[in-house]
C-alpha atoms as a PDB file:
ATOM      1  CA  UNK A   1     -73.530  65.766 210.778  1.00  0.00           C
ATOM      2  CA  UNK A   2     -75.721  68.680 211.848  1.00  0.00           C
ATOM      3  CA  UNK A   3     -78.137  68.602 214.811  1.00  0.00           C
ATOM      4  CA  UNK A   4     -80.892  70.432 214.918  1.00  0.00           C
ATOM      5  CA  UNK A   5     -80.432  73.912 217.048  1.00  0.00           C
ATOM      6  CA  UNK A   6     -76.468  72.879 216.614  1.00  0.00           C
ATOM      7  CA  UNK A   7     -75.064  76.153 214.794  1.00  0.00           C
ATOM      8  CA  UNK A   8     -71.835  75.484 213.244  1.00  0.00           C
ATOM      9  CA  UNK A   9     -68.709  77.559 212.745  1.00  0.00           C
ATOM     10  CA  UNK A  10     -65.973  75.658 210.543  1.00  0.00           C
ATOM     11  CA  UNK A  11     -62.733  76.282 210.064  1.00  0.00           C
ATOM     12  CA  UNK A  12     -60.685  76.860 207.569  1.00  0.00           C
ATOM     13  CA  UNK A  13     -60.476  75.292 204.738  1.00  0.00           C
ATOM     14  CA  UNK A  14     -64.285  74.250 205.341  1.00  0.00           C
ATOM     15  CA  UNK A  15     -64.072  70.644 204.118  1.00  0.00           C
ATOM     16  CA  UNK A  16     -61.230  68.257 202.123  1.00  0.00           C
ATOM     17  CA  UNK A  17     -63.340  68.660 198.452  1.00  0.00           C
ATOM     18  CA  UNK A  18     -66.113  70.574 197.263  1.00  0.00           C
ATOM     19  CA  UNK A  19     -68.991  67.200 197.547  1.00  0.00           C
ATOM     20  CA  UNK A  20     -67.812  67.656 201.364  1.00  0.00           C
ATOM     21  CA  UNK A  21     -68.485  71.042 201.202  1.00  0.00           C
ATOM     22  CA  UNK A  22     -72.261  70.112 199.146  1.00  0.00           C
ATOM     23  CA  UNK A  23     -73.060  67.686 202.522  1.00  0.00           C
ATOM     24  CA  UNK A  24     -72.292  70.856 204.820  1.00  0.00           C
ATOM     25  CA  UNK A  25     -74.387  73.389 203.472  1.00  0.00           C
ATOM     26  CA  UNK A  26     -76.906  70.270 202.506  1.00  0.00           C
ATOM     27  CA  UNK A  27     -77.035  69.013 206.811  1.00  0.00           C
ATOM     28  CA  UNK A  28     -77.525  72.287 208.338  1.00  0.00           C
ATOM     29  CA  UNK A  29     -80.353  73.344 205.677  1.00  0.00           C
ATOM     30  CA  UNK A  30     -81.752  70.543 206.175  1.00  0.00           C
ATOM     31  CA  UNK A  31     -81.494  71.002 210.666  1.00  0.00           C
ATOM     32  CA  UNK A  32     -82.665  74.726 209.878  1.00  0.00           C
ATOM     33  CA  UNK A  33     -79.085  75.371 211.414  1.00  0.00           C
ATOM     34  CA  UNK A  34     -75.882  78.244 210.429  1.00  0.00           C
ATOM     35  CA  UNK A  35     -72.781  77.603 209.133  1.00  0.00           C
ATOM     36  CA  UNK A  36     -70.069  79.909 209.239  1.00  0.00           C
ATOM     37  CA  UNK A  37     -66.687  79.691 208.145  1.00  0.00           C
ATOM     38  CA  UNK A  38     -63.860  81.030 209.784  1.00  0.00           C
ATOM     39  CA  UNK A  39     -62.297  83.126 206.847  1.00  0.00           C
ATOM     40  CA  UNK A  40     -61.877  85.882 209.406  1.00  0.00           C
ATOM     41  CA  UNK A  41     -59.837  88.216 207.127  1.00  0.00           C
ATOM     42  CA  UNK A  42     -62.807  89.337 205.036  1.00  0.00           C
ATOM     43  CA  UNK A  43     -63.635  91.768 208.737  1.00  0.00           C
ATOM     44  CA  UNK A  44     -60.471  93.620 208.143  1.00  0.00           C
ATOM     45  CA  UNK A  45     -61.000  96.752 207.403  1.00  0.00           C
ATOM     46  CA  UNK A  46     -58.334  96.941 205.312  1.00  0.00           C
ATOM     47  CA  UNK A  47     -60.232  94.951 203.636  1.00  0.00           C
ATOM     48  CA  UNK A  48     -63.143  97.128 203.297  1.00  0.00           C
ATOM     49  CA  UNK A  49     -61.631 100.164 201.989  1.00  0.00           C
ATOM     50  CA  UNK A  50     -59.801  98.363 199.203  1.00  0.00           C
ATOM     51  CA  UNK A  51     -63.069  97.516 198.258  1.00  0.00           C
ATOM     52  CA  UNK A  52     -64.252 101.513 198.841  1.00  0.00           C
ATOM     53  CA  UNK A  53     -61.067 102.386 196.724  1.00  0.00           C
ATOM     54  CA  UNK A  54     -61.459 100.276 194.340  1.00  0.00           C
ATOM     55  CA  UNK A  55     -65.308 100.695 193.747  1.00  0.00           C
ATOM     56  CA  UNK A  56     -65.315 104.773 194.036  1.00  0.00           C
ATOM     57  CA  UNK A  57     -62.706 104.346 190.563  1.00  0.00           C
ATOM     58  CA  UNK A  58     -59.444 105.773 192.449  1.00  0.00           C
ATOM     59  CA  UNK A  59     -57.538 102.731 191.128  1.00  0.00           C
ATOM     60  CA  UNK A  60     -59.389 102.718 188.058  1.00  0.00           C
ATOM     61  CA  UNK A  61     -59.814  99.339 186.324  1.00  0.00           C
ATOM     62  CA  UNK A  62     -57.657  97.047 188.481  1.00  0.00           C
ATOM     63  CA  UNK A  63     -55.365  94.868 186.621  1.00  0.00           C
ATOM     64  CA  UNK A  64     -53.069  92.588 188.448  1.00  0.00           C
ATOM     65  CA  UNK A  65     -53.693  91.282 191.917  1.00  0.00           C
ATOM     66  CA  UNK A  66     -50.575  90.329 193.785  1.00  0.00           C
ATOM     67  CA  UNK A  67     -50.474  88.003 197.183  1.00  0.00           C
ATOM     68  CA  UNK A  68     -47.972  86.573 198.676  1.00  0.00           C
ATOM     69  CA  UNK A  69     -47.595  84.604 201.460  1.00  0.00           C
ATOM     70  CA  UNK A  70     -44.848  82.737 202.770  1.00  0.00           C
ATOM     71  CA  UNK A  71     -43.310  81.078 205.960  1.00  0.00           C
ATOM     72  CA  UNK A  72     -40.772  78.721 207.319  1.00  0.00           C
ATOM     73  CA  UNK A  73     -42.527  75.607 208.084  1.00  0.00           C
ATOM     74  CA  UNK A  74     -40.136  71.802 209.415  1.00  0.00           C
ATOM     75  CA  UNK A  75     -41.854  70.667 211.968  1.00  0.00           C
ATOM     76  CA  UNK A  76     -41.176  67.786 213.415  1.00  0.00           C
ATOM     77  CA  UNK A  77     -42.903  64.594 213.850  1.00  0.00           C
ATOM     78  CA  UNK A  78     -43.429  65.564 217.645  1.00  0.00           C
ATOM     79  CA  UNK A  79     -45.009  68.752 216.720  1.00  0.00           C
ATOM     80  CA  UNK A  80     -48.808  69.466 217.171  1.00  0.00           C
ATOM     81  CA  UNK A  81     -49.130  71.124 214.055  1.00  0.00           C
ATOM     82  CA  UNK A  82     -47.384  67.888 212.020  1.00  0.00           C
ATOM     83  CA  UNK A  83     -50.595  66.971 210.325  1.00  0.00           C
ATOM     84  CA  UNK A  84     -50.833  70.431 208.022  1.00  0.00           C
ATOM     85  CA  UNK A  85     -47.965  68.304 205.492  1.00  0.00           C
ATOM     86  CA  UNK A  86     -49.743  64.940 205.714  1.00  0.00           C
ATOM     87  CA  UNK A  87     -51.597  64.988 202.879  1.00  0.00           C
ATOM     88  CA  UNK A  88     -53.919  62.290 204.318  1.00  0.00           C
ATOM     89  CA  UNK A  89     -54.756  64.907 207.087  1.00  0.00           C
ATOM     90  CA  UNK A  90     -54.534  67.676 205.263  1.00  0.00           C
ATOM     91  CA  UNK A  91     -55.804  67.659 201.688  1.00  0.00           C
ATOM     92  CA  UNK A  92     -52.855  69.853 200.627  1.00  0.00           C
ATOM     93  CA  UNK A  93     -49.804  71.577 202.042  1.00  0.00           C
ATOM     94  CA  UNK A  94     -49.306  75.682 202.181  1.00  0.00           C
ATOM     95  CA  UNK A  95     -51.599  76.587 199.133  1.00  0.00           C
ATOM     96  CA  UNK A  96     -54.403  74.243 201.361  1.00  0.00           C
ATOM     97  CA  UNK A  97     -53.863  75.751 204.325  1.00  0.00           C
ATOM     98  CA  UNK A  98     -53.363  79.090 204.419  1.00  0.00           C
ATOM     99  CA  UNK A  99     -54.154  79.567 200.577  1.00  0.00           C
ATOM    100  CA  UNK A 100     -57.554  79.224 200.992  1.00  0.00           C
ATOM    101  CA  UNK A 101     -57.852  82.186 203.213  1.00  0.00           C
ATOM    102  CA  UNK A 102     -55.524  84.578 200.034  1.00  0.00           C
ATOM    103  CA  UNK A 103     -58.304  83.166 197.551  1.00  0.00           C
ATOM    104  CA  UNK A 104     -61.397  83.994 200.179  1.00  0.00           C
ATOM    105  CA  UNK A 105     -59.698  87.373 199.931  1.00  0.00           C
ATOM    106  CA  UNK A 106     -59.593  87.358 196.366  1.00  0.00           C
ATOM    107  CA  UNK A 107     -62.810  86.104 195.780  1.00  0.00           C
ATOM    108  CA  UNK A 108     -64.198  89.287 197.851  1.00  0.00           C
ATOM    109  CA  UNK A 109     -62.175  91.735 196.814  1.00  0.00           C
ATOM    110  CA  UNK A 110     -61.838  91.039 193.298  1.00  0.00           C
ATOM    111  CA  UNK A 111     -64.830  88.750 192.799  1.00  0.00           C
ATOM    112  CA  UNK A 112     -65.366  85.830 190.646  1.00  0.00           C
ATOM    113  CA  UNK A 113     -62.767  83.306 189.592  1.00  0.00           C
ATOM    114  CA  UNK A 114     -62.948  81.808 185.885  1.00  0.00           C
ATOM    115  CA  UNK A 115     -59.841  80.714 184.886  1.00  0.00           C
ATOM    116  CA  UNK A 116     -57.113  78.733 187.491  1.00  0.00           C
ATOM    117  CA  UNK A 117     -54.176  77.316 186.665  1.00  0.00           C
ATOM    118  CA  UNK A 118     -51.156  76.445 189.059  1.00  0.00           C
ATOM    119  CA  UNK A 119     -47.654  75.125 189.552  1.00  0.00           C
ATOM    120  CA  UNK A 120     -46.854  73.212 192.865  1.00  0.00           C
ATOM    121  CA  UNK A 121     -43.897  71.828 193.988  1.00  0.00           C
ATOM    122  CA  UNK A 122     -41.601  70.522 196.932  1.00  0.00           C
ATOM    123  CA  UNK A 123     -39.081  72.737 195.580  1.00  0.00           C
ATOM    124  CA  UNK A 124     -37.333  72.305 199.735  1.00  0.00           C
ATOM    125  CA  UNK A 125     -38.235  69.361 201.672  1.00  0.00           C
ATOM    126  CA  UNK A 126     -38.893  66.348 201.234  1.00  0.00           C
ATOM    127  CA  UNK A 127     -42.562  65.675 201.704  1.00  0.00           C
ATOM    128  CA  UNK A 128     -45.927  64.260 201.059  1.00  0.00           C
ATOM    129  CA  UNK A 129     -48.116  67.866 200.038  1.00  0.00           C
ATOM    130  CA  UNK A 130     -46.082  71.502 198.105  1.00  0.00           C
ATOM    131  CA  UNK A 131     -43.655  73.348 200.352  1.00  0.00           C
ATOM    132  CA  UNK A 132     -44.480  75.876 197.533  1.00  0.00           C
ATOM    133  CA  UNK A 133     -47.203  76.608 195.303  1.00  0.00           C
ATOM    134  CA  UNK A 134     -48.129  79.409 192.306  1.00  0.00           C
ATOM    135  CA  UNK A 135     -51.619  79.545 191.151  1.00  0.00           C
ATOM    136  CA  UNK A 136     -52.871  82.861 188.637  1.00  0.00           C
ATOM    137  CA  UNK A 137     -56.299  83.339 188.011  1.00  0.00           C
ATOM    138  CA  UNK A 138     -58.141  85.413 185.703  1.00  0.00           C
ATOM    139  CA  UNK A 139     -60.930  86.872 187.558  1.00  0.00           C
ATOM    140  CA  UNK A 140     -64.733  87.867 185.097  1.00  0.00           C
ATOM    141  CA  UNK A 141     -64.190  91.285 185.627  1.00  0.00           C
ATOM    142  CA  UNK A 142     -61.489  90.994 183.535  1.00  0.00           C
ATOM    143  CA  UNK A 143     -58.073  91.522 185.595  1.00  0.00           C
ATOM    144  CA  UNK A 144     -55.429  88.868 185.971  1.00  0.00           C
ATOM    145  CA  UNK A 145     -54.304  87.494 189.495  1.00  0.00           C
ATOM    146  CA  UNK A 146     -51.682  85.756 191.836  1.00  0.00           C
ATOM    147  CA  UNK A 147     -51.394  83.688 194.459  1.00  0.00           C
ATOM    148  CA  UNK A 148     -47.426  82.892 195.821  1.00  0.00           C
ATOM    149  CA  UNK A 149     -47.400  80.949 198.683  1.00  0.00           C
ATOM    150  CA  UNK A 150     -44.947  78.641 200.616  1.00  0.00           C
ATOM    151  CA  UNK A 151     -43.435  77.254 203.771  1.00  0.00           C
ATOM    152  CA  UNK A 152     -40.073  77.250 202.335  1.00  0.00           C
ATOM    153  CA  UNK A 153     -38.541  80.676 202.696  1.00  0.00           C
ATOM    154  CA  UNK A 154     -36.921  82.072 205.592  1.00  0.00           C
ATOM    155  CA  UNK A 155     -39.061  86.025 204.254  1.00  0.00           C
ATOM    156  CA  UNK A 156     -42.159  86.079 205.870  1.00  0.00           C
ATOM    157  CA  UNK A 157     -44.511  87.496 203.634  1.00  0.00           C
ATOM    158  CA  UNK A 158     -48.141  88.651 204.332  1.00  0.00           C
ATOM    159  CA  UNK A 159     -48.812  91.076 200.940  1.00  0.00           C
ATOM    160  CA  UNK A 160     -51.312  92.422 198.920  1.00  0.00           C
ATOM    161  CA  UNK A 161     -50.619  94.612 195.520  1.00  0.00           C
ATOM    162  CA  UNK A 162     -53.479  95.608 193.231  1.00  0.00           C
ATOM    163  CA  UNK A 163     -52.591  97.677 189.979  1.00  0.00           C
ATOM    164  CA  UNK A 164     -54.652  99.540 188.132  1.00  0.00           C
ATOM    165  CA  UNK A 165     -55.032 101.424 185.260  1.00  0.00           C
ATOM    166  CA  UNK A 166     -54.778 104.954 186.888  1.00  0.00           C
ATOM    167  CA  UNK A 167     -53.433 104.038 190.561  1.00  0.00           C
ATOM    168  CA  UNK A 168     -52.041 100.973 192.878  1.00  0.00           C
ATOM    169  CA  UNK A 169     -52.655 100.138 195.990  1.00  0.00           C
ATOM    170  CA  UNK A 170     -50.480  98.249 198.196  1.00  0.00           C
ATOM    171  CA  UNK A 171     -51.084  96.572 201.892  1.00  0.00           C
ATOM    172  CA  UNK A 172     -47.158  95.097 203.523  1.00  0.00           C
ATOM    173  CA  UNK A 173     -49.001  93.111 205.996  1.00  0.00           C
ATOM    174  CA  UNK A 174     -52.340  92.131 205.570  1.00  0.00           C
ATOM    175  CA  UNK A 175     -52.368  91.323 209.249  1.00  0.00           C
ATOM    176  CA  UNK A 176     -51.343  94.619 210.309  1.00  0.00           C
ATOM    177  CA  UNK A 177     -53.779  96.431 207.982  1.00  0.00           C
ATOM    178  CA  UNK A 178     -51.990  99.485 206.718  1.00  0.00           C
ATOM    179  CA  UNK A 179     -52.639 100.640 202.784  1.00  0.00           C
ATOM    180  CA  UNK A 180     -50.533 102.332 200.514  1.00  0.00           C
ATOM    181  CA  UNK A 181     -52.453 104.179 197.608  1.00  0.00           C
ATOM    182  CA  UNK A 182     -50.954 105.371 194.600  1.00  0.00           C
ATOM    183  CA  UNK A 183     -52.356 107.549 191.784  1.00  0.00           C
ATOM    184  CA  UNK A 184     -50.922 109.499 189.163  1.00  0.00           C
ATOM    185  CA  UNK A 185     -51.749 112.549 191.210  1.00  0.00           C
ATOM    186  CA  UNK A 186     -51.080 111.580 194.979  1.00  0.00           C
ATOM    187  CA  UNK A 187     -50.068 108.870 197.494  1.00  0.00           C
ATOM    188  CA  UNK A 188     -51.137 108.350 201.142  1.00  0.00           C
ATOM    189  CA  UNK A 189     -50.763 106.415 203.746  1.00  0.00           C
ATOM    190  CA  UNK A 190     -54.267 104.969 205.930  1.00  0.00           C
ATOM    191  CA  UNK A 191     -53.478 102.942 208.814  1.00  0.00           C
ATOM    192  CA  UNK A 192     -56.726 100.142 209.527  1.00  0.00           C
ATOM    193  CA  UNK A 193     -55.258  97.478 211.484  1.00  0.00           C
ATOM    194  CA  UNK A 194     -57.729  94.814 212.815  1.00  0.00           C
ATOM    195  CA  UNK A 195     -58.729  94.086 215.974  1.00  0.00           C
ATOM    196  CA  UNK A 196     -56.831  92.809 218.365  1.00  0.00           C
ATOM    197  CA  UNK A 197     -57.922  89.880 218.346  1.00  0.00           C
ATOM    198  CA  UNK A 198     -58.074  88.956 214.754  1.00  0.00           C
ATOM    199  CA  UNK A 199     -61.605  86.447 215.357  1.00  0.00           C
ATOM    200  CA  UNK A 200     -63.739  88.638 217.064  1.00  0.00           C
ATOM    201  CA  UNK A 201     -65.237  90.394 214.608  1.00  0.00           C
ATOM    202  CA  UNK A 202     -66.442  86.913 212.523  1.00  0.00           C
ATOM    203  CA  UNK A 203     -66.965  85.391 215.854  1.00  0.00           C
ATOM    204  CA  UNK A 204     -69.429  88.405 216.777  1.00  0.00           C
ATOM    205  CA  UNK A 205     -71.120  88.837 213.444  1.00  0.00           C
ATOM    206  CA  UNK A 206     -72.290  84.789 213.772  1.00  0.00           C
ATOM    207  CA  UNK A 207     -73.246  84.957 216.676  1.00  0.00           C
ATOM    208  CA  UNK A 208     -75.563  87.960 215.614  1.00  0.00           C
ATOM    209  CA  UNK A 209     -76.240  86.073 212.543  1.00  0.00           C
ATOM    210  CA  UNK A 210     -78.082  83.509 214.888  1.00  0.00           C
ATOM    211  CA  UNK A 211     -79.834  85.275 217.564  1.00  0.00           C
ATOM    212  CA  UNK A 212     -81.110  87.493 213.723  1.00  0.00           C
ATOM    213  CA  UNK A 213     -81.723  84.397 212.286  1.00  0.00           C
ATOM    214  CA  UNK A 214     -79.637  85.518 209.092  1.00  0.00           C
ATOM    215  CA  UNK A 215     -76.715  84.354 207.412  1.00  0.00           C
ATOM    216  CA  UNK A 216     -73.530  85.045 208.245  1.00  0.00           C
ATOM    217  CA  UNK A 217     -71.639  87.290 206.589  1.00  0.00           C
ATOM    218  CA  UNK A 218     -69.406  84.542 205.604  1.00  0.00           C
ATOM    219  CA  UNK A 219     -71.047  81.177 204.665  1.00  0.00           C
ATOM    220  CA  UNK A 220     -70.657  77.753 203.238  1.00  0.00           C
ATOM    221  CA  UNK A 221     -71.058  79.304 199.978  1.00  0.00           C
ATOM    222  CA  UNK A 222     -68.042  81.258 201.073  1.00  0.00           C
ATOM    223  CA  UNK A 223     -66.425  78.040 202.244  1.00  0.00           C
ATOM    224  CA  UNK A 224     -67.213  76.283 198.407  1.00  0.00           C
ATOM    225  CA  UNK A 225     -66.926  79.057 196.327  1.00  0.00           C
ATOM    226  CA  UNK A 226     -62.920  78.929 197.511  1.00  0.00           C
ATOM    227  CA  UNK A 227     -62.715  74.867 197.662  1.00  0.00           C
ATOM    228  CA  UNK A 228     -64.108  74.457 193.661  1.00  0.00           C
ATOM    229  CA  UNK A 229     -60.816  77.382 193.238  1.00  0.00           C
ATOM    230  CA  UNK A 230     -58.732  74.682 195.528  1.00  0.00           C
ATOM    231  CA  UNK A 231     -59.841  71.652 193.540  1.00  0.00           C
ATOM    232  CA  UNK A 232     -58.704  73.484 190.093  1.00  0.00           C
ATOM    233  CA  UNK A 233     -55.241  74.686 191.702  1.00  0.00           C
ATOM    234  CA  UNK A 234     -54.721  70.178 192.815  1.00  0.00           C
ATOM    235  CA  UNK A 235     -56.672  69.074 190.361  1.00  0.00           C
ATOM    236  CA  UNK A 236     -53.262  69.147 187.338  1.00  0.00           C
ATOM    237  CA  UNK A 237     -50.501  71.433 188.641  1.00  0.00           C
ATOM    238  CA  UNK A 238     -47.553  72.043 186.622  1.00  0.00           C
ATOM    239  CA  UNK A 239     -44.514  70.242 188.379  1.00  0.00           C
ATOM    240  CA  UNK A 240     -41.154  72.624 188.803  1.00  0.00           C
END
């Protein structure tokens, strides 16, 4: 429970479910403390720039957004991160663990999601949670999105691609921040790397929010929005 004077910067995901998010938000409000969620990609310069490019109409109306987040993760039971594949402790597999970060990116860049569907499965490993999943989204603004997540691919990926009716934006690695923008007229590269310590801008923002007695940029409400989408993904997924 939140205590007066003790501000809370929560690791991702914010909570195991939406009800827990609501209790956290209520507790922080009741005790007049700040609640922030560690979605540090919100502060990536590349993400800010992508929003500017879309707002300027350079790629026209966004039509499809795609994110791939792949890694090989098969921990021994002695591994301190083994809990990530234990459902009771983790709440879900990679879609819950690092998928939540990419959902926050999509919400930040493209706005509210109004419909979600998913496929989750253990394709390679015998474990309590999915090792692979795909979620598809319809955004309020009309475009569609796809998020593909896996612990079972040998080739790592960390991509973001947004296709519009006049052009496209491509990021080969979100953690590197190089953007390729293509239109019918030209193609260019913009290098916008994140801070050396990925978390530093988020921590600085949270500290400033406390000093200025204002909300941080990534609030409990952001965490709750992501939790709602995660709940939809896990509520009734199809099985491969």
